[in-house]
Amino acid sequence: MLRTWIIRTVVIALGVCWRPELAAPTTLVLTESVALAKTADKVVLGKVAKVESEWLHGRIVSRVSLRVEETLKGKGEATLELVVPGGSVGGIAMLVIGGPRFREGDRAILFLRQADTEYRILGLAQGKVSVLKNDSGVESVRWVPPGGTQVVEEPLSEVIAQLRLVSDLRGDDR
């Protein structure tokens, strides 16, 4: 086990030295959720049905199958496929600092940009606003509200209502 870990570590280190662009740094700039919504092609509330990781162009990505519960911007679709950086394949893991992580059963508001037939998350982890549920069953999210400069927790229903009020959010293709 230790020998396998050492070999993998050396292989990854050599790969980074050989192709340093694969280890580029991540810069995360706090973005107000309304700015993400205006930039997004689609904003949805959905639940993760499946997550599968694979190698793609020398990097590990995860394909996330999402059941859409509600479309807040863009054309309504029952399911979506997202591609996010990172994941684990054959005992090798790739973690993107500041990137979104998905597990089956997760519920979230997602700010998405279309790339061919797939969608990608805008703003790294900021583009995934996870739905939380307290002991009383009340759902909430932690996000940067309109005009905000810091993360706050608000009821899910209020957040959805605020996103709907954004003038550019309601498109003709809803």
N, C-alpha and C. Protein backbone atom coordinates (compact mmCIF):
# COMPACT_ATOMS: atom_id res chain seq x y z
N MET A 1 0.83 -1.19 0.00
CA MET A 1 0.00 0.00 0.00
C MET A 1 0.87 1.26 0.00
N LEU A 2 1.86 1.31 0.91
CA LEU A 2 2.75 2.46 0.99
C LEU A 2 3.57 2.58 -0.29
N ARG A 3 4.02 1.43 -0.81
CA ARG A 3 4.82 1.45 -2.03
C ARG A 3 3.99 1.99 -3.20
N THR A 4 2.73 1.58 -3.31
CA THR A 4 1.85 2.06 -4.37
C THR A 4 1.65 3.57 -4.24
N TRP A 5 1.45 4.06 -3.03
CA TRP A 5 1.26 5.49 -2.80
C TRP A 5 2.51 6.25 -3.22
N ILE A 6 3.70 5.75 -2.87
CA ILE A 6 4.95 6.42 -3.23
C ILE A 6 5.11 6.46 -4.75
N ILE A 7 4.84 5.36 -5.40
CA ILE A 7 4.96 5.31 -6.87
C ILE A 7 4.01 6.31 -7.51
N ARG A 8 2.76 6.36 -7.06
CA ARG A 8 1.79 7.31 -7.62
C ARG A 8 2.23 8.75 -7.39
N THR A 9 2.75 9.03 -6.20
CA THR A 9 3.21 10.38 -5.88
C THR A 9 4.36 10.79 -6.80
N VAL A 10 5.30 9.89 -7.01
CA VAL A 10 6.44 10.18 -7.88
C VAL A 10 5.96 10.38 -9.32
N VAL A 11 5.06 9.55 -9.79
CA VAL A 11 4.54 9.67 -11.16
C VAL A 11 3.83 11.01 -11.33
N ILE A 12 3.02 11.40 -10.37
CA ILE A 12 2.32 12.69 -10.45
C ILE A 12 3.32 13.83 -10.41
N ALA A 13 4.32 13.76 -9.53
CA ALA A 13 5.33 14.82 -9.44
C ALA A 13 6.10 14.94 -10.75
N LEU A 14 6.47 13.82 -11.34
CA LEU A 14 7.18 13.85 -12.62
C LEU A 14 6.29 14.43 -13.72
N GLY A 15 5.01 14.09 -13.68
CA GLY A 15 4.07 14.63 -14.66
C GLY A 15 3.95 16.13 -14.55
N VAL A 16 3.92 16.65 -13.33
CA VAL A 16 3.83 18.10 -13.11
C VAL A 16 5.10 18.78 -13.59
N CYS A 17 6.26 18.16 -13.35
CA CYS A 17 7.53 18.74 -13.81
C CYS A 17 7.62 18.70 -15.33
N TRP A 18 7.12 17.63 -15.93
CA TRP A 18 7.19 17.47 -17.37
C TRP A 18 6.20 18.39 -18.08
N ARG A 19 4.98 18.52 -17.51
CA ARG A 19 3.95 19.39 -18.08
C ARG A 19 3.40 20.30 -16.98
N PRO A 20 4.15 21.35 -16.60
CA PRO A 20 3.74 22.21 -15.48
C PRO A 20 2.42 22.94 -15.70
N GLU A 21 1.99 23.12 -16.96
CA GLU A 21 0.71 23.80 -17.20
C GLU A 21 -0.47 23.02 -16.63
N LEU A 22 -0.28 21.71 -16.37
CA LEU A 22 -1.35 20.91 -15.78
C LEU A 22 -1.55 21.24 -14.30
N ALA A 23 -0.58 21.90 -13.69
CA ALA A 23 -0.67 22.24 -12.27
C ALA A 23 -0.85 23.74 -12.08
N ALA A 24 -1.53 24.40 -13.01
CA ALA A 24 -1.74 25.84 -12.92
C ALA A 24 -2.53 26.18 -11.65
N PRO A 25 -2.24 27.35 -11.04
CA PRO A 25 -2.93 27.72 -9.81
C PRO A 25 -4.38 28.11 -10.07
N THR A 26 -5.20 28.02 -9.03
CA THR A 26 -6.60 28.42 -9.09
C THR A 26 -6.76 29.74 -8.37
N THR A 27 -7.44 30.69 -9.02
CA THR A 27 -7.74 31.97 -8.38
C THR A 27 -9.25 32.08 -8.27
N LEU A 28 -9.75 32.29 -7.06
CA LEU A 28 -11.18 32.38 -6.83
C LEU A 28 -11.51 33.80 -6.39
N VAL A 29 -12.36 34.48 -7.17
CA VAL A 29 -12.79 35.83 -6.85
C VAL A 29 -14.24 35.75 -6.40
N LEU A 30 -14.55 36.26 -5.19
CA LEU A 30 -15.91 36.21 -4.68
C LEU A 30 -16.84 36.95 -5.63
N THR A 31 -17.87 36.27 -6.11
CA THR A 31 -18.79 36.83 -7.10
C THR A 31 -20.20 36.79 -6.55
N GLU A 32 -20.89 37.92 -6.65
CA GLU A 32 -22.28 37.98 -6.23
C GLU A 32 -23.10 37.03 -7.09
N SER A 33 -24.04 36.34 -6.50
CA SER A 33 -24.82 35.33 -7.20
C SER A 33 -25.61 35.91 -8.38
N VAL A 34 -26.06 37.16 -8.28
CA VAL A 34 -26.81 37.77 -9.38
C VAL A 34 -25.89 37.95 -10.60
N ALA A 35 -24.62 38.29 -10.37
CA ALA A 35 -23.67 38.42 -11.48
C ALA A 35 -23.49 37.06 -12.15
N LEU A 36 -23.42 36.00 -11.35
CA LEU A 36 -23.34 34.65 -11.92
C LEU A 36 -24.60 34.34 -12.73
N ALA A 37 -25.76 34.71 -12.19
CA ALA A 37 -27.03 34.42 -12.86
C ALA A 37 -27.13 35.15 -14.20
N LYS A 38 -26.67 36.39 -14.25
CA LYS A 38 -26.74 37.16 -15.50
C LYS A 38 -25.78 36.59 -16.54
N THR A 39 -24.65 36.06 -16.11
CA THR A 39 -23.66 35.50 -17.02
C THR A 39 -24.04 34.09 -17.47
N ALA A 40 -24.78 33.39 -16.64
CA ALA A 40 -25.11 31.98 -16.91
C ALA A 40 -26.05 31.83 -18.10
N ASP A 41 -25.88 30.71 -18.83
CA ASP A 41 -26.83 30.33 -19.87
C ASP A 41 -28.07 29.70 -19.25
N LYS A 42 -27.87 29.07 -18.07
CA LYS A 42 -28.95 28.35 -17.41
C LYS A 42 -28.72 28.40 -15.91
N VAL A 43 -29.82 28.55 -15.15
CA VAL A 43 -29.79 28.47 -13.69
C VAL A 43 -30.88 27.49 -13.29
N VAL A 44 -30.51 26.46 -12.54
CA VAL A 44 -31.47 25.43 -12.16
C VAL A 44 -31.33 25.05 -10.69
N LEU A 45 -32.42 24.52 -10.15
CA LEU A 45 -32.40 23.82 -8.87
C LEU A 45 -32.51 22.35 -9.23
N GLY A 46 -31.56 21.55 -8.78
CA GLY A 46 -31.59 20.15 -9.16
C GLY A 46 -30.99 19.23 -8.13
N LYS A 47 -31.13 17.93 -8.41
CA LYS A 47 -30.62 16.88 -7.53
C LYS A 47 -29.70 15.97 -8.34
N VAL A 48 -28.53 15.66 -7.76
CA VAL A 48 -27.54 14.82 -8.44
C VAL A 48 -28.02 13.37 -8.44
N ALA A 49 -28.13 12.80 -9.65
CA ALA A 49 -28.55 11.41 -9.80
C ALA A 49 -27.36 10.46 -9.86
N LYS A 50 -26.27 10.91 -10.52
CA LYS A 50 -25.11 10.03 -10.70
C LYS A 50 -23.86 10.87 -10.93
N VAL A 51 -22.72 10.38 -10.44
CA VAL A 51 -21.42 11.01 -10.67
C VAL A 51 -20.45 9.93 -11.13
N GLU A 52 -19.83 10.13 -12.31
CA GLU A 52 -18.85 9.19 -12.83
C GLU A 52 -17.61 9.97 -13.27
N SER A 53 -16.43 9.52 -12.85
CA SER A 53 -15.18 10.20 -13.21
C SER A 53 -14.47 9.45 -14.32
N GLU A 54 -13.70 10.20 -15.13
CA GLU A 54 -12.96 9.62 -16.24
C GLU A 54 -11.77 10.51 -16.58
N TRP A 55 -10.83 9.94 -17.34
CA TRP A 55 -9.71 10.70 -17.87
C TRP A 55 -10.18 11.42 -19.12
N LEU A 56 -9.83 12.71 -19.26
CA LEU A 56 -10.17 13.49 -20.45
C LEU A 56 -9.02 14.45 -20.72
N HIS A 57 -8.32 14.23 -21.82
CA HIS A 57 -7.18 15.08 -22.21
C HIS A 57 -6.13 15.21 -21.11
N GLY A 58 -5.81 14.10 -20.47
CA GLY A 58 -4.75 14.09 -19.46
C GLY A 58 -5.18 14.57 -18.08
N ARG A 59 -6.46 14.83 -17.90
CA ARG A 59 -6.97 15.29 -16.60
C ARG A 59 -8.16 14.42 -16.22
N ILE A 60 -8.46 14.42 -14.94
CA ILE A 60 -9.64 13.70 -14.47
C ILE A 60 -10.80 14.68 -14.38
N VAL A 61 -11.93 14.29 -14.96
CA VAL A 61 -13.16 15.08 -14.87
C VAL A 61 -14.27 14.18 -14.35
N SER A 62 -15.29 14.79 -13.81
CA SER A 62 -16.47 14.04 -13.37
C SER A 62 -17.66 14.47 -14.21
N ARG A 63 -18.40 13.48 -14.67
CA ARG A 63 -19.65 13.74 -15.38
C ARG A 63 -20.77 13.58 -14.36
N VAL A 64 -21.55 14.63 -14.20
CA VAL A 64 -22.60 14.67 -13.19
C VAL A 64 -23.95 14.67 -13.90
N SER A 65 -24.77 13.65 -13.63
CA SER A 65 -26.13 13.60 -14.16
C SER A 65 -27.04 14.25 -13.13
N LEU A 66 -27.82 15.22 -13.59
CA LEU A 66 -28.64 16.03 -12.69
C LEU A 66 -30.10 15.94 -13.09
N ARG A 67 -30.97 15.68 -12.11
CA ARG A 67 -32.42 15.76 -12.33
C ARG A 67 -32.86 17.19 -11.97
N VAL A 68 -33.38 17.89 -12.95
CA VAL A 68 -33.78 19.28 -12.74
C VAL A 68 -35.14 19.33 -12.05
N GLU A 69 -35.18 20.03 -10.90
CA GLU A 69 -36.44 20.21 -10.18
C GLU A 69 -37.14 21.49 -10.64
N GLU A 70 -36.34 22.51 -10.94
CA GLU A 70 -36.90 23.80 -11.34
C GLU A 70 -35.87 24.55 -12.17
N THR A 71 -36.32 25.14 -13.29
CA THR A 71 -35.44 25.95 -14.14
C THR A 71 -35.74 27.41 -13.85
N LEU A 72 -34.71 28.16 -13.44
CA LEU A 72 -34.87 29.58 -13.11
C LEU A 72 -34.44 30.47 -14.26
N LYS A 73 -33.60 29.95 -15.14
CA LYS A 73 -33.17 30.69 -16.33
C LYS A 73 -32.83 29.67 -17.42
N GLY A 74 -33.19 29.99 -18.65
CA GLY A 74 -32.88 29.12 -19.77
C GLY A 74 -34.00 28.15 -20.07
N LYS A 75 -33.75 27.31 -21.06
CA LYS A 75 -34.74 26.33 -21.51
C LYS A 75 -34.89 25.23 -20.47
N GLY A 76 -36.13 24.89 -20.16
CA GLY A 76 -36.39 23.83 -19.19
C GLY A 76 -36.05 22.46 -19.75
N GLU A 77 -35.34 21.66 -18.98
CA GLU A 77 -34.99 20.29 -19.35
C GLU A 77 -35.15 19.43 -18.10
N ALA A 78 -35.57 18.18 -18.28
CA ALA A 78 -35.78 17.29 -17.14
C ALA A 78 -34.47 16.81 -16.53
N THR A 79 -33.44 16.63 -17.39
CA THR A 79 -32.13 16.19 -16.91
C THR A 79 -31.04 16.97 -17.63
N LEU A 80 -29.89 17.08 -16.98
CA LEU A 80 -28.72 17.75 -17.56
C LEU A 80 -27.49 16.92 -17.27
N GLU A 81 -26.48 17.04 -18.12
CA GLU A 81 -25.18 16.44 -17.83
C GLU A 81 -24.17 17.57 -17.69
N LEU A 82 -23.49 17.57 -16.54
CA LEU A 82 -22.47 18.57 -16.26
C LEU A 82 -21.10 17.90 -16.34
N VAL A 83 -20.09 18.67 -16.69
CA VAL A 83 -18.71 18.19 -16.63
C VAL A 83 -17.97 19.12 -15.68
N VAL A 84 -17.39 18.55 -14.62
CA VAL A 84 -16.65 19.34 -13.64
C VAL A 84 -15.24 18.78 -13.49
N PRO A 85 -14.25 19.64 -13.25
CA PRO A 85 -12.89 19.16 -13.08
C PRO A 85 -12.73 18.40 -11.77
N GLY A 86 -11.91 17.35 -11.81
CA GLY A 86 -11.61 16.59 -10.61
C GLY A 86 -12.41 15.31 -10.51
N GLY A 87 -11.97 14.45 -9.61
CA GLY A 87 -12.62 13.17 -9.40
C GLY A 87 -11.58 12.12 -9.08
N SER A 88 -11.98 10.86 -9.18
CA SER A 88 -11.09 9.75 -8.86
C SER A 88 -11.31 8.62 -9.86
N VAL A 89 -10.20 8.16 -10.45
CA VAL A 89 -10.24 7.07 -11.43
C VAL A 89 -9.14 6.08 -11.08
N GLY A 90 -9.51 4.82 -10.84
CA GLY A 90 -8.53 3.77 -10.60
C GLY A 90 -7.57 4.06 -9.47
N GLY A 91 -8.05 4.66 -8.41
CA GLY A 91 -7.20 4.94 -7.26
C GLY A 91 -6.39 6.22 -7.38
N ILE A 92 -6.53 6.95 -8.49
CA ILE A 92 -5.85 8.23 -8.67
C ILE A 92 -6.90 9.32 -8.57
N ALA A 93 -6.65 10.30 -7.72
CA ALA A 93 -7.61 11.38 -7.52
C ALA A 93 -7.03 12.70 -7.98
N MET A 94 -7.89 13.56 -8.52
CA MET A 94 -7.50 14.92 -8.86
C MET A 94 -8.47 15.86 -8.16
N LEU A 95 -7.94 16.77 -7.37
CA LEU A 95 -8.73 17.73 -6.63
C LEU A 95 -8.43 19.12 -7.17
N VAL A 96 -9.46 19.87 -7.51
CA VAL A 96 -9.30 21.24 -7.96
C VAL A 96 -9.68 22.15 -6.79
N ILE A 97 -8.70 22.87 -6.28
CA ILE A 97 -8.96 23.77 -5.15
C ILE A 97 -9.95 24.84 -5.60
N GLY A 98 -11.01 25.02 -4.83
CA GLY A 98 -12.04 25.99 -5.18
C GLY A 98 -13.07 25.46 -6.16
N GLY A 99 -12.91 24.22 -6.60
CA GLY A 99 -13.85 23.63 -7.55
C GLY A 99 -15.03 23.01 -6.84
N PRO A 100 -16.16 22.89 -7.55
CA PRO A 100 -17.33 22.26 -6.93
C PRO A 100 -17.15 20.76 -6.81
N ARG A 101 -17.74 20.19 -5.78
CA ARG A 101 -17.73 18.73 -5.59
C ARG A 101 -19.17 18.26 -5.56
N PHE A 102 -19.40 17.09 -6.13
CA PHE A 102 -20.75 16.55 -6.22
C PHE A 102 -20.79 15.13 -5.69
N ARG A 103 -21.90 14.81 -5.00
CA ARG A 103 -22.19 13.45 -4.55
C ARG A 103 -23.62 13.14 -4.93
N GLU A 104 -23.88 11.86 -5.18
CA GLU A 104 -25.25 11.47 -5.48
C GLU A 104 -26.17 11.91 -4.35
N GLY A 105 -27.30 12.48 -4.71
CA GLY A 105 -28.27 12.96 -3.72
C GLY A 105 -28.13 14.42 -3.36
N ASP A 106 -27.00 15.07 -3.72
CA ASP A 106 -26.84 16.50 -3.45
C ASP A 106 -27.95 17.28 -4.15
N ARG A 107 -28.47 18.31 -3.48
CA ARG A 107 -29.40 19.27 -4.10
C ARG A 107 -28.73 20.62 -4.10
N ALA A 108 -28.88 21.35 -5.20
CA ALA A 108 -28.20 22.65 -5.30
C ALA A 108 -28.84 23.52 -6.37
N ILE A 109 -28.62 24.83 -6.23
CA ILE A 109 -28.89 25.79 -7.30
C ILE A 109 -27.58 25.87 -8.07
N LEU A 110 -27.65 25.70 -9.40
CA LEU A 110 -26.45 25.68 -10.22
C LEU A 110 -26.50 26.77 -11.27
N PHE A 111 -25.39 27.48 -11.41
CA PHE A 111 -25.22 28.52 -12.43
C PHE A 111 -24.35 27.90 -13.52
N LEU A 112 -24.92 27.74 -14.72
CA LEU A 112 -24.28 26.92 -15.75
C LEU A 112 -24.01 27.69 -17.03
N ARG A 113 -22.94 27.27 -17.70
CA ARG A 113 -22.59 27.77 -19.03
C ARG A 113 -22.57 26.57 -19.95
N GLN A 114 -23.22 26.68 -21.12
CA GLN A 114 -23.28 25.55 -22.05
C GLN A 114 -21.99 25.47 -22.86
N ALA A 115 -21.47 24.25 -23.01
CA ALA A 115 -20.29 23.95 -23.83
C ALA A 115 -20.66 22.74 -24.68
N ASP A 116 -20.98 22.98 -25.93
CA ASP A 116 -21.48 21.94 -26.84
C ASP A 116 -22.77 21.36 -26.26
N THR A 117 -22.80 20.06 -25.98
CA THR A 117 -24.02 19.44 -25.47
C THR A 117 -24.01 19.30 -23.95
N GLU A 118 -22.92 19.75 -23.31
CA GLU A 118 -22.78 19.62 -21.86
C GLU A 118 -22.80 20.99 -21.21
N TYR A 119 -22.92 20.97 -19.90
CA TYR A 119 -22.88 22.22 -19.14
C TYR A 119 -21.71 22.21 -18.18
N ARG A 120 -21.18 23.40 -17.92
CA ARG A 120 -20.08 23.57 -16.97
C ARG A 120 -20.52 24.60 -15.93
N ILE A 121 -19.98 24.44 -14.72
CA ILE A 121 -20.32 25.34 -13.61
C ILE A 121 -19.57 26.66 -13.77
N LEU A 122 -20.26 27.79 -13.58
CA LEU A 122 -19.62 29.10 -13.59
C LEU A 122 -19.05 29.41 -12.21
N GLY A 123 -17.93 30.10 -12.16
CA GLY A 123 -17.39 30.59 -10.89
C GLY A 123 -16.88 29.52 -9.95
N LEU A 124 -16.41 28.40 -10.51
CA LEU A 124 -15.92 27.29 -9.68
C LEU A 124 -16.98 26.91 -8.66
N ALA A 125 -16.60 26.76 -7.39
CA ALA A 125 -17.54 26.30 -6.37
C ALA A 125 -18.68 27.30 -6.11
N GLN A 126 -18.46 28.58 -6.47
CA GLN A 126 -19.53 29.57 -6.27
C GLN A 126 -20.73 29.30 -7.16
N GLY A 127 -20.52 28.56 -8.24
CA GLY A 127 -21.60 28.24 -9.16
C GLY A 127 -22.47 27.09 -8.70
N LYS A 128 -22.12 26.51 -7.54
CA LYS A 128 -22.94 25.46 -6.93
C LYS A 128 -23.35 25.95 -5.54
N VAL A 129 -24.61 26.27 -5.38
CA VAL A 129 -25.13 26.74 -4.10
C VAL A 129 -25.91 25.59 -3.49
N SER A 130 -25.28 24.89 -2.55
CA SER A 130 -25.87 23.69 -1.96
C SER A 130 -27.08 24.00 -1.11
N VAL A 131 -28.08 23.12 -1.20
CA VAL A 131 -29.29 23.23 -0.38
C VAL A 131 -29.03 22.48 0.92
N LEU A 132 -29.26 23.16 2.02
CA LEU A 132 -29.07 22.58 3.35
C LEU A 132 -30.45 22.36 3.98
N LYS A 133 -30.55 21.40 4.89
CA LYS A 133 -31.82 21.16 5.58
C LYS A 133 -31.52 21.05 7.08
N ASN A 134 -32.21 21.88 7.90
CA ASN A 134 -31.98 21.82 9.34
C ASN A 134 -32.84 20.72 9.98
N ASP A 135 -32.73 20.56 11.30
CA ASP A 135 -33.45 19.50 12.01
C ASP A 135 -34.97 19.62 11.88
N SER A 136 -35.47 20.85 11.64
CA SER A 136 -36.91 21.08 11.49
C SER A 136 -37.38 20.85 10.06
N GLY A 137 -36.44 20.54 9.14
CA GLY A 137 -36.81 20.30 7.76
C GLY A 137 -36.83 21.54 6.89
N VAL A 138 -36.42 22.69 7.45
CA VAL A 138 -36.40 23.95 6.70
C VAL A 138 -35.16 23.96 5.80
N GLU A 139 -35.39 24.22 4.50
CA GLU A 139 -34.28 24.25 3.55
C GLU A 139 -33.72 25.66 3.41
N SER A 140 -32.39 25.75 3.33
CA SER A 140 -31.73 27.04 3.18
C SER A 140 -30.50 26.86 2.30
N VAL A 141 -29.90 27.99 1.92
CA VAL A 141 -28.65 27.98 1.17
C VAL A 141 -27.72 29.04 1.75
N ARG A 142 -26.43 28.85 1.54
CA ARG A 142 -25.43 29.87 1.87
C ARG A 142 -24.96 30.44 0.55
N TRP A 143 -25.12 31.77 0.38
CA TRP A 143 -24.78 32.41 -0.89
C TRP A 143 -24.44 33.87 -0.68
N VAL A 144 -24.01 34.54 -1.76
CA VAL A 144 -23.77 35.98 -1.74
C VAL A 144 -24.99 36.61 -2.40
N PRO A 145 -25.87 37.24 -1.59
CA PRO A 145 -27.13 37.77 -2.13
C PRO A 145 -26.91 39.02 -2.99
N PRO A 146 -27.97 39.45 -3.72
CA PRO A 146 -27.86 40.67 -4.53
C PRO A 146 -27.37 41.84 -3.68
N GLY A 147 -26.33 42.51 -4.15
CA GLY A 147 -25.76 43.65 -3.44
C GLY A 147 -24.87 43.25 -2.27
N GLY A 148 -24.71 41.96 -2.04
CA GLY A 148 -23.92 41.49 -0.91
C GLY A 148 -22.43 41.41 -1.20
N THR A 149 -21.67 41.35 -0.12
CA THR A 149 -20.21 41.22 -0.25
C THR A 149 -19.70 40.05 0.57
N GLN A 150 -20.61 39.34 1.25
CA GLN A 150 -20.20 38.19 2.03
C GLN A 150 -21.28 37.11 1.99
N VAL A 151 -20.88 35.92 2.35
CA VAL A 151 -21.79 34.78 2.32
C VAL A 151 -22.74 34.84 3.51
N VAL A 152 -24.04 34.63 3.23
CA VAL A 152 -25.06 34.59 4.27
C VAL A 152 -25.93 33.36 4.05
N GLU A 153 -26.64 32.94 5.10
CA GLU A 153 -27.57 31.82 4.97
C GLU A 153 -28.99 32.36 4.92
N GLU A 154 -29.76 31.92 3.91
CA GLU A 154 -31.14 32.37 3.73
C GLU A 154 -32.01 31.19 3.34
N PRO A 155 -33.32 31.26 3.62
CA PRO A 155 -34.22 30.17 3.22
C PRO A 155 -34.21 29.98 1.71
N LEU A 156 -34.28 28.72 1.26
CA LEU A 156 -34.25 28.39 -0.16
C LEU A 156 -35.34 29.14 -0.92
N SER A 157 -36.54 29.18 -0.39
CA SER A 157 -37.65 29.84 -1.09
C SER A 157 -37.37 31.32 -1.33
N GLU A 158 -36.73 31.99 -0.38
CA GLU A 158 -36.39 33.41 -0.54
C GLU A 158 -35.32 33.60 -1.60
N VAL A 159 -34.35 32.71 -1.62
CA VAL A 159 -33.27 32.80 -2.61
C VAL A 159 -33.83 32.62 -4.02
N ILE A 160 -34.70 31.64 -4.20
CA ILE A 160 -35.32 31.42 -5.51
C ILE A 160 -36.12 32.65 -5.92
N ALA A 161 -36.86 33.23 -4.98
CA ALA A 161 -37.64 34.44 -5.27
C ALA A 161 -36.73 35.60 -5.66
N GLN A 162 -35.60 35.76 -4.97
CA GLN A 162 -34.66 36.83 -5.31
C GLN A 162 -34.05 36.63 -6.69
N LEU A 163 -33.72 35.39 -7.02
CA LEU A 163 -33.16 35.12 -8.34
C LEU A 163 -34.18 35.39 -9.44
N ARG A 164 -35.44 35.11 -9.17
CA ARG A 164 -36.50 35.36 -10.17
C ARG A 164 -36.70 36.86 -10.40
N LEU A 165 -36.39 37.68 -9.38
CA LEU A 165 -36.58 39.13 -9.50
C LEU A 165 -35.52 39.79 -10.38
N VAL A 166 -34.42 39.11 -10.60
CA VAL A 166 -33.37 39.68 -11.43
C VAL A 166 -33.93 39.86 -12.84
N SER A 167 -33.88 41.07 -13.35
CA SER A 167 -34.55 41.38 -14.62
C SER A 167 -34.11 40.51 -15.78
N ASP A 168 -32.84 40.17 -15.89
CA ASP A 168 -32.34 39.40 -17.03
C ASP A 168 -32.56 37.90 -16.83
N LEU A 169 -33.04 37.48 -15.69
CA LEU A 169 -33.12 36.06 -15.40
C LEU A 169 -34.23 35.35 -16.17
N ARG A 170 -35.36 36.01 -16.37
CA ARG A 170 -36.46 35.37 -17.09
C ARG A 170 -36.24 35.55 -18.59
N GLY A 171 -36.00 34.44 -19.26
CA GLY A 171 -35.76 34.48 -20.70
C GLY A 171 -36.99 34.06 -21.48
N ASP A 172 -36.97 34.28 -22.78
CA ASP A 172 -38.10 33.90 -23.64
C ASP A 172 -38.22 32.40 -23.78
N ASP A 173 -37.15 31.66 -23.47
CA ASP A 173 -37.16 30.22 -23.69
C ASP A 173 -37.49 29.42 -22.43
N ARG A 174 -38.04 30.05 -21.42
CA ARG A 174 -38.45 29.36 -20.20
C ARG A 174 -39.66 28.53 -20.42
